[in-house]
PDB file of N, CA and C in Angstrom:
ATOM      1  N   UNK A   1      30.334 -19.337 -63.413  1.00  0.00           N
ATOM      2  CA  UNK A   1      29.163 -18.520 -63.375  1.00  0.00           C
ATOM      3  C   UNK A   1      28.034 -19.081 -64.209  1.00  0.00           C
ATOM      4  N   UNK A   2      28.217 -20.053 -64.891  1.00  0.00           N
ATOM      5  CA  UNK A   2      27.203 -20.580 -65.760  1.00  0.00           C
ATOM      6  C   UNK A   2      26.343 -21.640 -65.128  1.00  0.00           C
ATOM      7  N   UNK A   3      26.491 -21.964 -63.879  1.00  0.00           N
ATOM      8  CA  UNK A   3      25.750 -23.026 -63.242  1.00  0.00           C
ATOM      9  C   UNK A   3      24.470 -22.563 -62.552  1.00  0.00           C
ATOM     10  N   UNK A   4      24.134 -21.320 -62.583  1.00  0.00           N
ATOM     11  CA  UNK A   4      22.941 -20.815 -61.933  1.00  0.00           C
ATOM     12  C   UNK A   4      23.120 -20.529 -60.442  1.00  0.00           C
ATOM     13  N   UNK A   5      24.309 -20.721 -59.953  1.00  0.00           N
ATOM     14  CA  UNK A   5      24.582 -20.421 -58.550  1.00  0.00           C
ATOM     15  C   UNK A   5      25.220 -19.057 -58.457  1.00  0.00           C
ATOM     16  N   UNK A   6      24.854 -18.396 -57.412  1.00  0.00           N
ATOM     17  CA  UNK A   6      25.528 -17.112 -57.199  1.00  0.00           C
ATOM     18  C   UNK A   6      26.888 -17.392 -56.611  1.00  0.00           C
ATOM     19  N   UNK A   7      27.753 -16.572 -56.941  1.00  0.00           N
ATOM     20  CA  UNK A   7      29.092 -16.738 -56.368  1.00  0.00           C
ATOM     21  C   UNK A   7      29.103 -16.190 -54.958  1.00  0.00           C
ATOM     22  N   UNK A   8      29.809 -16.853 -54.087  1.00  0.00           N
ATOM     23  CA  UNK A   8      29.951 -16.429 -52.716  1.00  0.00           C
ATOM     24  C   UNK A   8      30.945 -15.291 -52.661  1.00  0.00           C
ATOM     25  N   UNK A   9      30.473 -14.167 -52.100  1.00  0.00           N
ATOM     26  CA  UNK A   9      31.369 -13.019 -51.948  1.00  0.00           C
ATOM     27  C   UNK A   9      31.821 -12.995 -50.498  1.00  0.00           C
ATOM     28  N   UNK A  10      33.080 -13.156 -50.234  1.00  0.00           N
ATOM     29  CA  UNK A  10      33.557 -13.185 -48.846  1.00  0.00           C
ATOM     30  C   UNK A  10      33.334 -11.836 -48.152  1.00  0.00           C
ATOM     31  N   UNK A  11      32.887 -11.898 -46.888  1.00  0.00           N
ATOM     32  CA  UNK A  11      32.666 -10.697 -46.093  1.00  0.00           C
ATOM     33  C   UNK A  11      33.931 -10.384 -45.320  1.00  0.00           C
ATOM     34  N   UNK A  12      34.188  -9.123 -45.122  1.00  0.00           N
ATOM     35  CA  UNK A  12      35.331  -8.768 -44.279  1.00  0.00           C
ATOM     36  C   UNK A  12      35.082  -9.254 -42.847  1.00  0.00           C
ATOM     37  N   UNK A  13      36.129  -9.630 -42.134  1.00  0.00           N
ATOM     38  CA  UNK A  13      36.046 -10.196 -40.787  1.00  0.00           C
ATOM     39  C   UNK A  13      35.283  -9.301 -39.808  1.00  0.00           C
ATOM     40  N   UNK A  14      35.513  -7.992 -39.715  1.00  0.00           N
ATOM     41  CA  UNK A  14      34.773  -7.169 -38.743  1.00  0.00           C
ATOM     42  C   UNK A  14      33.270  -7.167 -39.019  1.00  0.00           C
ATOM     43  N   UNK A  15      32.874  -7.185 -40.283  1.00  0.00           N
ATOM     44  CA  UNK A  15      31.461  -7.189 -40.635  1.00  0.00           C
ATOM     45  C   UNK A  15      30.816  -8.511 -40.234  1.00  0.00           C
ATOM     46  N   UNK A  16      31.570  -9.604 -40.371  1.00  0.00           N
ATOM     47  CA  UNK A  16      31.069 -10.918 -39.976  1.00  0.00           C
ATOM     48  C   UNK A  16      30.790 -10.985 -38.474  1.00  0.00           C
ATOM     49  N   UNK A  17      31.540 -10.300 -37.658  1.00  0.00           N
ATOM     50  CA  UNK A  17      31.342 -10.280 -36.218  1.00  0.00           C
ATOM     51  C   UNK A  17      30.223  -9.317 -35.808  1.00  0.00           C
ATOM     52  N   UNK A  18      30.052  -8.244 -36.570  1.00  0.00           N
ATOM     53  CA  UNK A  18      29.061  -7.232 -36.210  1.00  0.00           C
ATOM     54  C   UNK A  18      27.632  -7.660 -36.535  1.00  0.00           C
ATOM     55  N   UNK A  19      27.451  -8.443 -37.590  1.00  0.00           N
ATOM     56  CA  UNK A  19      26.093  -8.836 -37.979  1.00  0.00           C
ATOM     57  C   UNK A  19      25.393  -9.662 -36.901  1.00  0.00           C
ATOM     58  N   UNK A  20      26.014 -10.702 -36.333  1.00  0.00           N
ATOM     59  CA  UNK A  20      25.321 -11.424 -35.259  1.00  0.00           C
ATOM     60  C   UNK A  20      25.043 -10.547 -34.037  1.00  0.00           C
ATOM     61  N   UNK A  21      25.971  -9.667 -33.719  1.00  0.00           N
ATOM     62  CA  UNK A  21      25.778  -8.767 -32.594  1.00  0.00           C
ATOM     63  C   UNK A  21      24.601  -7.824 -32.856  1.00  0.00           C
ATOM     64  N   UNK A  22      24.502  -7.289 -34.048  1.00  0.00           N
ATOM     65  CA  UNK A  22      23.386  -6.407 -34.404  1.00  0.00           C
ATOM     66  C   UNK A  22      22.074  -7.171 -34.369  1.00  0.00           C
ATOM     67  N   UNK A  23      22.083  -8.414 -34.860  1.00  0.00           N
ATOM     68  CA  UNK A  23      20.875  -9.229 -34.847  1.00  0.00           C
ATOM     69  C   UNK A  23      20.457  -9.528 -33.406  1.00  0.00           C
ATOM     70  N   UNK A  24      21.392  -9.875 -32.548  1.00  0.00           N
ATOM     71  CA  UNK A  24      21.098 -10.161 -31.148  1.00  0.00           C
ATOM     72  C   UNK A  24      20.537  -8.923 -30.448  1.00  0.00           C
ATOM     73  N   UNK A  25      21.143  -7.763 -30.678  1.00  0.00           N
ATOM     74  CA  UNK A  25      20.695  -6.520 -30.063  1.00  0.00           C
ATOM     75  C   UNK A  25      19.281  -6.174 -30.510  1.00  0.00           C
ATOM     76  N   UNK A  26      18.989  -6.352 -31.780  1.00  0.00           N
ATOM     77  CA  UNK A  26      17.657  -6.061 -32.304  1.00  0.00           C
ATOM     78  C   UNK A  26      16.616  -6.993 -31.700  1.00  0.00           C
ATOM     79  N   UNK A  27      16.919  -8.279 -31.627  1.00  0.00           N
ATOM     80  CA  UNK A  27      15.961  -9.235 -31.083  1.00  0.00           C
ATOM     81  C   UNK A  27      15.773  -9.067 -29.573  1.00  0.00           C
ATOM     82  N   UNK A  28      16.824  -8.730 -28.854  1.00  0.00           N
ATOM     83  CA  UNK A  28      16.684  -8.563 -27.406  1.00  0.00           C
ATOM     84  C   UNK A  28      15.843  -7.334 -27.075  1.00  0.00           C
ATOM     85  N   UNK A  29      15.822  -6.357 -27.957  1.00  0.00           N
ATOM     86  CA  UNK A  29      14.980  -5.182 -27.735  1.00  0.00           C
ATOM     87  C   UNK A  29      13.506  -5.550 -27.829  1.00  0.00           C
ATOM     88  N   UNK A  30      13.186  -6.607 -28.564  1.00  0.00           N
ATOM     89  CA  UNK A  30      11.800  -7.052 -28.716  1.00  0.00           C
ATOM     90  C   UNK A  30      11.341  -7.922 -27.557  1.00  0.00           C
ATOM     91  N   UNK A  31      12.266  -8.419 -26.766  1.00  0.00           N
ATOM     92  CA  UNK A  31      11.898  -9.300 -25.660  1.00  0.00           C
ATOM     93  C   UNK A  31      11.071  -8.530 -24.642  1.00  0.00           C
ATOM     94  N   UNK A  32      10.080  -9.176 -24.086  1.00  0.00           N
ATOM     95  CA  UNK A  32       9.207  -8.535 -23.121  1.00  0.00           C
ATOM     96  C   UNK A  32       9.896  -8.452 -21.769  1.00  0.00           C
ATOM     97  N   UNK A  33       9.881  -7.267 -21.193  1.00  0.00           N
ATOM     98  CA  UNK A  33      10.491  -7.052 -19.890  1.00  0.00           C
ATOM     99  C   UNK A  33       9.498  -7.481 -18.806  1.00  0.00           C
ATOM    100  N   UNK A  34       9.981  -8.047 -17.704  1.00  0.00           N
ATOM    101  CA  UNK A  34       9.061  -8.427 -16.620  1.00  0.00           C
ATOM    102  C   UNK A  34       8.431  -7.172 -16.019  1.00  0.00           C
ATOM    103  N   UNK A  35       7.200  -7.276 -15.541  1.00  0.00           N
ATOM    104  CA  UNK A  35       6.542  -6.098 -14.965  1.00  0.00           C
ATOM    105  C   UNK A  35       7.249  -5.659 -13.688  1.00  0.00           C
ATOM    106  N   UNK A  36       7.236  -4.365 -13.469  1.00  0.00           N
ATOM    107  CA  UNK A  36       7.831  -3.811 -12.255  1.00  0.00           C
ATOM    108  C   UNK A  36       6.826  -3.955 -11.120  1.00  0.00           C
ATOM    109  N   UNK A  37       7.224  -4.614 -10.054  1.00  0.00           N
ATOM    110  CA  UNK A  37       6.352  -4.820  -8.905  1.00  0.00           C
ATOM    111  C   UNK A  37       6.775  -3.833  -7.828  1.00  0.00           C
ATOM    112  N   UNK A  38       5.832  -3.006  -7.366  1.00  0.00           N
ATOM    113  CA  UNK A  38       6.218  -2.049  -6.324  1.00  0.00           C
ATOM    114  C   UNK A  38       6.554  -2.760  -5.019  1.00  0.00           C
ATOM    115  N   UNK A  39       7.407  -2.148  -4.264  1.00  0.00           N
ATOM    116  CA  UNK A  39       7.795  -2.716  -2.972  1.00  0.00           C
ATOM    117  C   UNK A  39       6.603  -2.692  -2.023  1.00  0.00           C
ATOM    118  N   UNK A  40       6.565  -3.635  -1.130  1.00  0.00           N
ATOM    119  CA  UNK A  40       5.481  -3.688  -0.146  1.00  0.00           C
ATOM    120  C   UNK A  40       5.569  -2.460   0.753  1.00  0.00           C
ATOM    121  N   UNK A  41       4.417  -1.924   1.143  1.00  0.00           N
ATOM    122  CA  UNK A  41       4.460  -0.750   2.026  1.00  0.00           C
ATOM    123  C   UNK A  41       5.051  -1.115   3.380  1.00  0.00           C
ATOM    124  N   UNK A  42       5.726  -0.160   3.947  1.00  0.00           N
ATOM    125  CA  UNK A  42       6.332  -0.379   5.255  1.00  0.00           C
ATOM    126  C   UNK A  42       5.260  -0.362   6.325  1.00  0.00           C
ATOM    127  N   UNK A  43       5.421  -1.156   7.380  1.00  0.00           N
ATOM    128  CA  UNK A  43       4.419  -1.136   8.448  1.00  0.00           C
ATOM    129  C   UNK A  43       4.416   0.224   9.137  1.00  0.00           C
ATOM    130  N   UNK A  44       3.257   0.635   9.625  1.00  0.00           N
ATOM    131  CA  UNK A  44       3.199   1.953  10.271  1.00  0.00           C
ATOM    132  C   UNK A  44       4.025   1.977  11.547  1.00  0.00           C
ATOM    133  N   UNK A  45       4.596   3.110  11.789  1.00  0.00           N
ATOM    134  CA  UNK A  45       5.370   3.310  13.010  1.00  0.00           C
ATOM    135  C   UNK A  45       4.489   4.117  13.958  1.00  0.00           C
ATOM    136  N   UNK A  46       4.259   3.588  15.122  1.00  0.00           N
ATOM    137  CA  UNK A  46       3.425   4.273  16.106  1.00  0.00           C
ATOM    138  C   UNK A  46       4.336   5.112  17.000  1.00  0.00           C
ATOM    139  N   UNK A  47       4.162   6.413  16.907  1.00  0.00           N
ATOM    140  CA  UNK A  47       4.957   7.319  17.725  1.00  0.00           C
ATOM    141  C   UNK A  47       4.361   7.381  19.131  1.00  0.00           C
ATOM    142  N   UNK A  48       5.134   7.810  20.114  1.00  0.00           N
ATOM    143  CA  UNK A  48       4.583   7.954  21.458  1.00  0.00           C
ATOM    144  C   UNK A  48       3.359   8.884  21.424  1.00  0.00           C
ATOM    145  N   UNK A  49       2.322   8.512  22.144  1.00  0.00           N
ATOM    146  CA  UNK A  49       1.064   9.263  22.209  1.00  0.00           C
ATOM    147  C   UNK A  49       0.332   9.337  20.881  1.00  0.00           C
ATOM    148  N   UNK A  50       0.696   8.495  19.948  1.00  0.00           N
ATOM    149  CA  UNK A  50      -0.047   8.415  18.689  1.00  0.00           C
ATOM    150  C   UNK A  50      -0.994   7.236  18.799  1.00  0.00           C
ATOM    151  N   UNK A  51      -2.209   7.455  18.383  1.00  0.00           N
ATOM    152  CA  UNK A  51      -3.264   6.458  18.510  1.00  0.00           C
ATOM    153  C   UNK A  51      -2.967   5.210  17.667  1.00  0.00           C
ATOM    154  N   UNK A  52      -3.301   4.047  18.219  1.00  0.00           N
ATOM    155  CA  UNK A  52      -3.172   2.764  17.522  1.00  0.00           C
ATOM    156  C   UNK A  52      -4.538   2.089  17.590  1.00  0.00           C
ATOM    157  N   UNK A  53      -5.386   2.354  16.581  1.00  0.00           N
ATOM    158  CA  UNK A  53      -6.774   1.882  16.647  1.00  0.00           C
ATOM    159  C   UNK A  53      -6.909   0.361  16.631  1.00  0.00           C
ATOM    160  N   UNK A  54      -5.901  -0.358  16.149  1.00  0.00           N
ATOM    161  CA  UNK A  54      -5.966  -1.823  16.142  1.00  0.00           C
ATOM    162  C   UNK A  54      -6.108  -2.363  17.564  1.00  0.00           C
ATOM    163  N   UNK A  55      -5.493  -1.697  18.515  1.00  0.00           N
ATOM    164  CA  UNK A  55      -5.546  -2.144  19.903  1.00  0.00           C
ATOM    165  C   UNK A  55      -6.905  -1.892  20.555  1.00  0.00           C
ATOM    166  N   UNK A  56      -7.747  -1.064  19.932  1.00  0.00           N
ATOM    167  CA  UNK A  56      -9.052  -0.736  20.517  1.00  0.00           C
ATOM    168  C   UNK A  56     -10.210  -1.425  19.794  1.00  0.00           C
ATOM    169  N   UNK A  57      -9.915  -2.291  18.856  1.00  0.00           N
ATOM    170  CA  UNK A  57     -10.977  -2.962  18.102  1.00  0.00           C
ATOM    171  C   UNK A  57     -11.827  -3.894  18.966  1.00  0.00           C
ATOM    172  N   UNK A  58     -11.338  -4.247  20.136  1.00  0.00           N
ATOM    173  CA  UNK A  58     -12.106  -5.108  21.040  1.00  0.00           C
ATOM    174  C   UNK A  58     -13.453  -4.478  21.385  1.00  0.00           C
ATOM    175  N   UNK A  59     -13.561  -3.153  21.295  1.00  0.00           N
ATOM    176  CA  UNK A  59     -14.766  -2.436  21.713  1.00  0.00           C
ATOM    177  C   UNK A  59     -15.915  -2.543  20.707  1.00  0.00           C
ATOM    178  N   UNK A  60     -15.620  -2.889  19.467  1.00  0.00           N
ATOM    179  CA  UNK A  60     -16.667  -2.950  18.435  1.00  0.00           C
ATOM    180  C   UNK A  60     -17.721  -3.983  18.838  1.00  0.00           C
ATOM    181  N   UNK A  61     -18.986  -3.544  18.801  1.00  0.00           N
ATOM    182  CA  UNK A  61     -20.104  -4.414  19.134  1.00  0.00           C
ATOM    183  C   UNK A  61     -20.535  -4.342  20.586  1.00  0.00           C
ATOM    184  N   UNK A  62     -19.736  -3.697  21.426  1.00  0.00           N
ATOM    185  CA  UNK A  62     -20.093  -3.574  22.849  1.00  0.00           C
ATOM    186  C   UNK A  62     -20.906  -2.298  23.087  1.00  0.00           C
ATOM    187  N   UNK A  63     -21.625  -2.260  24.206  1.00  0.00           N
ATOM    188  CA  UNK A  63     -22.389  -1.068  24.583  1.00  0.00           C
ATOM    189  C   UNK A  63     -21.400   0.052  24.895  1.00  0.00           C
ATOM    190  N   UNK A  64     -21.606   1.202  24.277  1.00  0.00           N
ATOM    191  CA  UNK A  64     -20.709   2.345  24.445  1.00  0.00           C
ATOM    192  C   UNK A  64     -21.023   3.069  25.742  1.00  0.00           C
ATOM    193  N   UNK A  65     -20.033   3.186  26.615  1.00  0.00           N
ATOM    194  CA  UNK A  65     -20.160   3.981  27.831  1.00  0.00           C
ATOM    195  C   UNK A  65     -18.787   4.564  28.162  1.00  0.00           C
ATOM    196  N   UNK A  66     -18.750   5.394  29.195  1.00  0.00           N
ATOM    197  CA  UNK A  66     -17.507   6.093  29.549  1.00  0.00           C
ATOM    198  C   UNK A  66     -16.396   5.123  29.931  1.00  0.00           C
ATOM    199  N   UNK A  67     -16.739   4.050  30.646  1.00  0.00           N
ATOM    200  CA  UNK A  67     -15.728   3.078  31.075  1.00  0.00           C
ATOM    201  C   UNK A  67     -15.092   2.390  29.857  1.00  0.00           C
ATOM    202  N   UNK A  68     -15.928   1.978  28.899  1.00  0.00           N
ATOM    203  CA  UNK A  68     -15.414   1.326  27.683  1.00  0.00           C
ATOM    204  C   UNK A  68     -14.558   2.298  26.868  1.00  0.00           C
ATOM    205  N   UNK A  69     -15.008   3.541  26.767  1.00  0.00           N
ATOM    206  CA  UNK A  69     -14.252   4.553  26.020  1.00  0.00           C
ATOM    207  C   UNK A  69     -12.869   4.766  26.623  1.00  0.00           C
ATOM    208  N   UNK A  70     -12.812   4.824  27.956  1.00  0.00           N
ATOM    209  CA  UNK A  70     -11.517   5.026  28.625  1.00  0.00           C
ATOM    210  C   UNK A  70     -10.610   3.821  28.443  1.00  0.00           C
ATOM    211  N   UNK A  71     -11.162   2.621  28.540  1.00  0.00           N
ATOM    212  CA  UNK A  71     -10.351   1.420  28.330  1.00  0.00           C
ATOM    213  C   UNK A  71      -9.816   1.372  26.895  1.00  0.00           C
ATOM    214  N   UNK A  72     -10.657   1.715  25.935  1.00  0.00           N
ATOM    215  CA  UNK A  72     -10.223   1.738  24.532  1.00  0.00           C
ATOM    216  C   UNK A  72      -9.132   2.786  24.322  1.00  0.00           C
ATOM    217  N   UNK A  73      -9.290   3.949  24.941  1.00  0.00           N
ATOM    218  CA  UNK A  73      -8.281   5.021  24.832  1.00  0.00           C
ATOM    219  C   UNK A  73      -6.941   4.555  25.370  1.00  0.00           C
ATOM    220  N   UNK A  74      -6.964   3.927  26.539  1.00  0.00           N
ATOM    221  CA  UNK A  74      -5.713   3.457  27.159  1.00  0.00           C
ATOM    222  C   UNK A  74      -5.060   2.390  26.289  1.00  0.00           C
ATOM    223  N   UNK A  75      -5.842   1.423  25.827  1.00  0.00           N
ATOM    224  CA  UNK A  75      -5.273   0.353  24.987  1.00  0.00           C
ATOM    225  C   UNK A  75      -4.718   0.905  23.673  1.00  0.00           C
ATOM    226  N   UNK A  76      -5.363   1.948  23.147  1.00  0.00           N
ATOM    227  CA  UNK A  76      -4.921   2.527  21.871  1.00  0.00           C
ATOM    228  C   UNK A  76      -3.777   3.523  22.046  1.00  0.00           C
ATOM    229  N   UNK A  77      -3.380   3.776  23.287  1.00  0.00           N
ATOM    230  CA  UNK A  77      -2.324   4.755  23.597  1.00  0.00           C
ATOM    231  C   UNK A  77      -2.679   6.149  23.098  1.00  0.00           C
ATOM    232  N   UNK A  78      -3.960   6.475  23.084  1.00  0.00           N
ATOM    233  CA  UNK A  78      -4.420   7.797  22.636  1.00  0.00           C
ATOM    234  C   UNK A  78      -4.442   8.759  23.825  1.00  0.00           C
ATOM    235  N   UNK A  79      -4.243  10.036  23.539  1.00  0.00           N
ATOM    236  CA  UNK A  79      -4.323  11.047  24.596  1.00  0.00           C
ATOM    237  C   UNK A  79      -5.770  11.418  24.897  1.00  0.00           C
ATOM    238  N   UNK A  80      -6.607  11.387  23.856  1.00  0.00           N
ATOM    239  CA  UNK A  80      -8.008  11.775  23.980  1.00  0.00           C
ATOM    240  C   UNK A  80      -8.897  10.743  23.332  1.00  0.00           C
ATOM    241  N   UNK A  81     -10.174  10.751  23.721  1.00  0.00           N
ATOM    242  CA  UNK A  81     -11.159   9.876  23.099  1.00  0.00           C
ATOM    243  C   UNK A  81     -12.439  10.686  22.891  1.00  0.00           C
ATOM    244  N   UNK A  82     -13.146  10.404  21.827  1.00  0.00           N
ATOM    245  CA  UNK A  82     -14.455  11.017  21.621  1.00  0.00           C
ATOM    246  C   UNK A  82     -15.407   9.950  21.092  1.00  0.00           C
ATOM    247  N   UNK A  83     -16.646  10.045  21.546  1.00  0.00           N
ATOM    248  CA  UNK A  83     -17.684   9.144  21.045  1.00  0.00           C
ATOM    249  C   UNK A  83     -18.587   9.961  20.133  1.00  0.00           C
ATOM    250  N   UNK A  84     -18.826   9.427  18.957  1.00  0.00           N
ATOM    251  CA  UNK A  84     -19.653  10.115  17.961  1.00  0.00           C
ATOM    252  C   UNK A  84     -20.912   9.298  17.751  1.00  0.00           C
ATOM    253  N   UNK A  85     -22.044   9.937  17.988  1.00  0.00           N
ATOM    254  CA  UNK A  85     -23.334   9.271  17.831  1.00  0.00           C
ATOM    255  C   UNK A  85     -23.942   9.637  16.479  1.00  0.00           C
ATOM    256  N   UNK A  86     -24.900   8.842  15.987  1.00  0.00           N
ATOM    257  CA  UNK A  86     -25.503   9.126  14.676  1.00  0.00           C
ATOM    258  C   UNK A  86     -26.054  10.557  14.601  1.00  0.00           C
ATOM    259  N   UNK A  87     -25.706  11.246  13.533  1.00  0.00           N
ATOM    260  CA  UNK A  87     -26.189  12.604  13.307  1.00  0.00           C
ATOM    261  C   UNK A  87     -25.440  13.679  14.060  1.00  0.00           C
ATOM    262  N   UNK A  88     -24.514  13.293  14.905  1.00  0.00           N
ATOM    263  CA  UNK A  88     -23.761  14.275  15.692  1.00  0.00           C
ATOM    264  C   UNK A  88     -22.750  14.979  14.802  1.00  0.00           C
ATOM    265  N   UNK A  89     -22.668  16.295  14.943  1.00  0.00           N
ATOM    266  CA  UNK A  89     -21.683  17.055  14.178  1.00  0.00           C
ATOM    267  C   UNK A  89     -20.328  16.961  14.875  1.00  0.00           C
ATOM    268  N   UNK A  90     -19.278  16.774  14.078  1.00  0.00           N
ATOM    269  CA  UNK A  90     -17.930  16.680  14.629  1.00  0.00           C
ATOM    270  C   UNK A  90     -16.973  17.485  13.762  1.00  0.00           C
ATOM    271  N   UNK A  91     -15.855  17.850  14.347  1.00  0.00           N
ATOM    272  CA  UNK A  91     -14.815  18.520  13.566  1.00  0.00           C
ATOM    273  C   UNK A  91     -14.133  17.483  12.673  1.00  0.00           C
ATOM    274  N   UNK A  92     -13.615  17.908  11.541  1.00  0.00           N
ATOM    275  CA  UNK A  92     -13.045  16.982  10.564  1.00  0.00           C
ATOM    276  C   UNK A  92     -11.516  16.953  10.570  1.00  0.00           C
ATOM    277  N   UNK A  93     -10.866  17.707  11.476  1.00  0.00           N
ATOM    278  CA  UNK A  93      -9.402  17.685  11.481  1.00  0.00           C
ATOM    279  C   UNK A  93      -8.918  16.335  11.988  1.00  0.00           C
ATOM    280  N   UNK A  94      -7.761  15.937  11.498  1.00  0.00           N
ATOM    281  CA  UNK A  94      -7.184  14.666  11.925  1.00  0.00           C
ATOM    282  C   UNK A  94      -6.273  14.927  13.109  1.00  0.00           C
ATOM    283  N   UNK A  95      -6.494  14.203  14.180  1.00  0.00           N
ATOM    284  CA  UNK A  95      -5.676  14.305  15.379  1.00  0.00           C
ATOM    285  C   UNK A  95      -5.104  12.912  15.650  1.00  0.00           C
ATOM    286  N   UNK A  96      -3.814  12.743  15.409  1.00  0.00           N
ATOM    287  CA  UNK A  96      -3.171  11.433  15.519  1.00  0.00           C
ATOM    288  C   UNK A  96      -3.162  10.894  16.943  1.00  0.00           C
ATOM    289  N   UNK A  97      -3.438  11.738  17.916  1.00  0.00           N
ATOM    290  CA  UNK A  97      -3.418  11.271  19.304  1.00  0.00           C
ATOM    291  C   UNK A  97      -4.835  11.090  19.873  1.00  0.00           C
ATOM    292  N   UNK A  98      -5.844  11.118  19.001  1.00  0.00           N
ATOM    293  CA  UNK A  98      -7.236  10.979  19.457  1.00  0.00           C
ATOM    294  C   UNK A  98      -7.860   9.697  18.916  1.00  0.00           C
ATOM    295  N   UNK A  99      -8.610   9.010  19.764  1.00  0.00           N
ATOM    296  CA  UNK A  99      -9.376   7.834  19.369  1.00  0.00           C
ATOM    297  C   UNK A  99     -10.825   8.270  19.178  1.00  0.00           C
ATOM    298  N   UNK A 100     -11.395   7.925  18.027  1.00  0.00           N
ATOM    299  CA  UNK A 100     -12.794   8.236  17.749  1.00  0.00           C
ATOM    300  C   UNK A 100     -13.590   6.943  17.769  1.00  0.00           C
ATOM    301  N   UNK A 101     -14.615   6.912  18.609  1.00  0.00           N
ATOM    302  CA  UNK A 101     -15.494   5.745  18.720  1.00  0.00           C
ATOM    303  C   UNK A 101     -16.831   6.134  18.110  1.00  0.00           C
ATOM    304  N   UNK A 102     -17.215   5.462  17.044  1.00  0.00           N
ATOM    305  CA  UNK A 102     -18.507   5.727  16.406  1.00  0.00           C
ATOM    306  C   UNK A 102     -19.537   4.765  16.972  1.00  0.00           C
ATOM    307  N   UNK A 103     -20.651   5.329  17.437  1.00  0.00           N
ATOM    308  CA  UNK A 103     -21.697   4.571  18.104  1.00  0.00           C
ATOM    309  C   UNK A 103     -22.917   4.508  17.182  1.00  0.00           C
ATOM    310  N   UNK A 104     -23.548   3.332  17.075  1.00  0.00           N
ATOM    311  CA  UNK A 104     -24.747   3.206  16.233  1.00  0.00           C
ATOM    312  C   UNK A 104     -25.998   3.647  17.003  1.00  0.00           C
ATOM    313  N   UNK A 105     -27.145   3.614  16.333  1.00  0.00           N
ATOM    314  CA  UNK A 105     -28.401   4.076  16.929  1.00  0.00           C
ATOM    315  C   UNK A 105     -28.808   3.236  18.133  1.00  0.00           C
ATOM    316  N   UNK A 106     -28.329   2.008  18.224  1.00  0.00           N
ATOM    317  CA  UNK A 106     -28.637   1.133  19.353  1.00  0.00           C
ATOM    318  C   UNK A 106     -27.718   1.318  20.539  1.00  0.00           C
ATOM    319  N   UNK A 107     -26.742   2.241  20.431  1.00  0.00           N
ATOM    320  CA  UNK A 107     -25.828   2.502  21.545  1.00  0.00           C
ATOM    321  C   UNK A 107     -24.610   1.596  21.581  1.00  0.00           C
ATOM    322  N   UNK A 108     -24.414   0.811  20.517  1.00  0.00           N
ATOM    323  CA  UNK A 108     -23.245  -0.074  20.459  1.00  0.00           C
ATOM    324  C   UNK A 108     -22.146   0.561  19.607  1.00  0.00           C
ATOM    325  N   UNK A 109     -20.926   0.192  19.901  1.00  0.00           N
ATOM    326  CA  UNK A 109     -19.778   0.702  19.142  1.00  0.00           C
ATOM    327  C   UNK A 109     -19.810   0.095  17.740  1.00  0.00           C
ATOM    328  N   UNK A 110     -19.898   0.962  16.734  1.00  0.00           N
ATOM    329  CA  UNK A 110     -19.937   0.514  15.336  1.00  0.00           C
ATOM    330  C   UNK A 110     -18.532   0.432  14.758  1.00  0.00           C
ATOM    331  N   UNK A 111     -17.674   1.377  15.126  1.00  0.00           N
ATOM    332  CA  UNK A 111     -16.297   1.373  14.625  1.00  0.00           C
ATOM    333  C   UNK A 111     -15.411   2.174  15.571  1.00  0.00           C
ATOM    334  N   UNK A 112     -14.128   1.885  15.473  1.00  0.00           N
ATOM    335  CA  UNK A 112     -13.118   2.584  16.279  1.00  0.00           C
ATOM    336  C   UNK A 112     -12.005   2.969  15.317  1.00  0.00           C
ATOM    337  N   UNK A 113     -11.617   4.247  15.364  1.00  0.00           N
ATOM    338  CA  UNK A 113     -10.541   4.704  14.473  1.00  0.00           C
ATOM    339  C   UNK A 113      -9.783   5.849  15.126  1.00  0.00           C
ATOM    340  N   UNK A 114      -8.615   6.058  14.648  1.00  0.00           N
ATOM    341  CA  UNK A 114      -7.828   7.199  15.130  1.00  0.00           C
ATOM    342  C   UNK A 114      -8.196   8.420  14.293  1.00  0.00           C
ATOM    343  N   UNK A 115      -8.074   9.571  14.917  1.00  0.00           N
ATOM    344  CA  UNK A 115      -8.325  10.789  14.144  1.00  0.00           C
ATOM    345  C   UNK A 115      -9.191  11.784  14.824  1.00  0.00           C
TER     346      UNK A 115
END
């Protein structure tokens, strides 16, 4: 004891095994977890007689008339079609089997959507 060194005190065997485990557990809690990435949304399922506006996008930019509206309705598998002109009042309910064609002031199809 006179050499300035501390004497080594032997640790019991179970304590010697628990210290590294405790140290590992503590450090692993500090590790950054990878961010949770949400799953990709499922593609829409088109039910029979439910409008599919992607199929009617060909009409955008064309002159709006009854023949074009009917062709867009058939391609979109919609039961009904309506043309909405600027300033026209329309009902706001969503109808999954209806194709709505929005017409600009020049008489051309501005957009096509279901609803």
